[in-house]
Protein backbone atom coordinates (compact mmCIF):
# COMPACT_ATOMS: atom_id res chain seq x y z
CA MET A 1 -9.06 -8.98 16.71
CA GLN A 2 -8.04 -8.50 20.28
CA ASP A 3 -10.61 -7.10 22.98
CA PRO A 4 -9.41 -3.67 23.97
CA PHE A 5 -11.18 -4.16 27.28
CA ALA A 6 -8.93 -6.91 27.90
CA ASN A 7 -5.77 -5.09 27.45
CA PRO A 8 -4.05 -4.21 30.62
CA ASP A 9 -2.29 -1.31 29.05
CA ALA A 10 -5.40 0.38 28.03
CA PRO A 11 -6.27 3.56 29.66
CA PRO A 12 -8.57 3.06 32.97
CA ASP A 13 -11.28 5.15 31.63
CA LEU A 14 -11.97 2.92 28.32
CA SER A 15 -13.57 0.24 30.22
CA HIS A 16 -16.26 3.09 31.77
CA ALA A 17 -16.46 4.51 28.33
CA GLY A 18 -17.40 1.40 26.76
CA ALA A 19 -20.01 0.68 29.55
CA VAL A 20 -21.62 3.85 28.81
CA VAL A 21 -21.93 3.21 24.98
CA ASP A 22 -23.38 -0.01 25.65
CA LYS A 23 -26.11 1.76 27.76
CA ALA A 24 -26.84 4.42 25.17
CA ILE A 25 -27.04 1.51 22.38
CA GLU A 26 -29.37 -0.59 24.71
CA PHE A 27 -31.67 2.92 25.57
CA MET A 28 -31.69 3.61 21.82
CA THR A 29 -32.72 0.08 20.96
CA GLY A 30 -35.41 0.34 23.40
CA GLN A 31 -36.57 3.55 21.81
CA ASN A 32 -37.13 1.56 18.54
CA ILE A 33 -34.39 3.39 16.72
CA SER A 34 -33.13 1.29 14.02
CA THR A 35 -29.75 -0.64 13.97
CA LEU A 36 -28.48 1.24 10.99
CA ALA A 37 -29.30 4.86 12.64
CA ILE A 38 -27.96 3.81 15.70
CA ALA A 39 -24.36 2.48 14.22
CA SER A 40 -24.19 5.70 11.96
CA ALA A 41 -25.08 8.07 14.81
CA LEU A 42 -22.12 6.18 16.81
CA LEU A 43 -19.67 6.23 14.12
CA GLY A 44 -20.14 9.83 13.33
CA GLY A 45 -19.67 10.54 16.90
CA ALA A 46 -16.54 8.60 16.96
CA MET A 47 -15.23 10.11 13.81
CA GLY A 48 -15.75 13.67 15.50
CA MET A 49 -13.96 12.51 18.66
CA LEU A 50 -11.13 11.32 16.39
CA SER A 51 -10.63 14.40 14.42
CA GLN A 52 -10.20 16.43 17.52
CA GLY A 53 -6.77 14.55 18.13
CA MET A 54 -6.07 12.96 14.66
CA THR A 55 -4.59 14.36 11.33
CA GLU A 56 -6.86 13.05 8.32
CA ASP A 57 -4.13 10.92 7.51
CA ALA A 58 -4.18 8.99 10.80
CA MET A 59 -8.25 8.74 10.58
CA VAL A 60 -8.15 7.18 7.30
CA ARG A 61 -5.76 4.66 8.50
CA VAL A 62 -7.91 3.88 11.51
CA LEU A 63 -10.74 3.16 8.71
CA GLU A 64 -8.78 1.41 6.67
CA ASN A 65 -8.07 -0.98 9.40
CA ALA A 66 -11.77 -1.19 10.36
CA ILE A 67 -12.40 -2.12 6.48
CA THR A 68 -9.87 -4.68 6.77
CA SER A 69 -11.31 -6.40 10.19
CA VAL A 70 -14.60 -6.43 8.23
CA ARG A 71 -13.04 -8.08 5.01
CA ARG A 72 -11.41 -10.64 7.25
CA GLY A 73 -14.80 -11.49 8.88
CA GLU A 74 -13.54 -10.65 12.47
CA LEU A 75 -16.20 -8.70 13.42
CA ARG A 76 -18.61 -11.47 12.18
CA ALA A 77 -16.88 -14.08 14.03
CA GLU A 78 -16.77 -12.15 17.56
CA HIS A 79 -20.39 -11.36 17.51
CA GLY A 80 -21.52 -14.45 15.84
CA SER A 81 -23.56 -12.75 13.09
CA HIS A 82 -23.74 -13.61 9.30
C-alpha cells in the first residue's frame, strides 16, 4: 500500500491533516480512551466527511478497497502488528 504522505501529487493539506489526526490519537490515548473507541470515532468521522463529497456507491468502493487491504495483510505489514 502506497503511503499517501509520500505522494508528490497529494494535496498539500494532506500532510497537515495527517499530523493533526496523529496528535488527536496521541491525546486520546493519553486520556486512556480505548483503541477501539478511538478507531471507531475516527472511522465514523471519516465516513461522515466522505459522505459530504461522494456518492454511496463511491463510499462502498472505498470501504471495499479497505477490506481488500486488510485481507491482504497490508496494514499488518505497515504497522508491524500481528
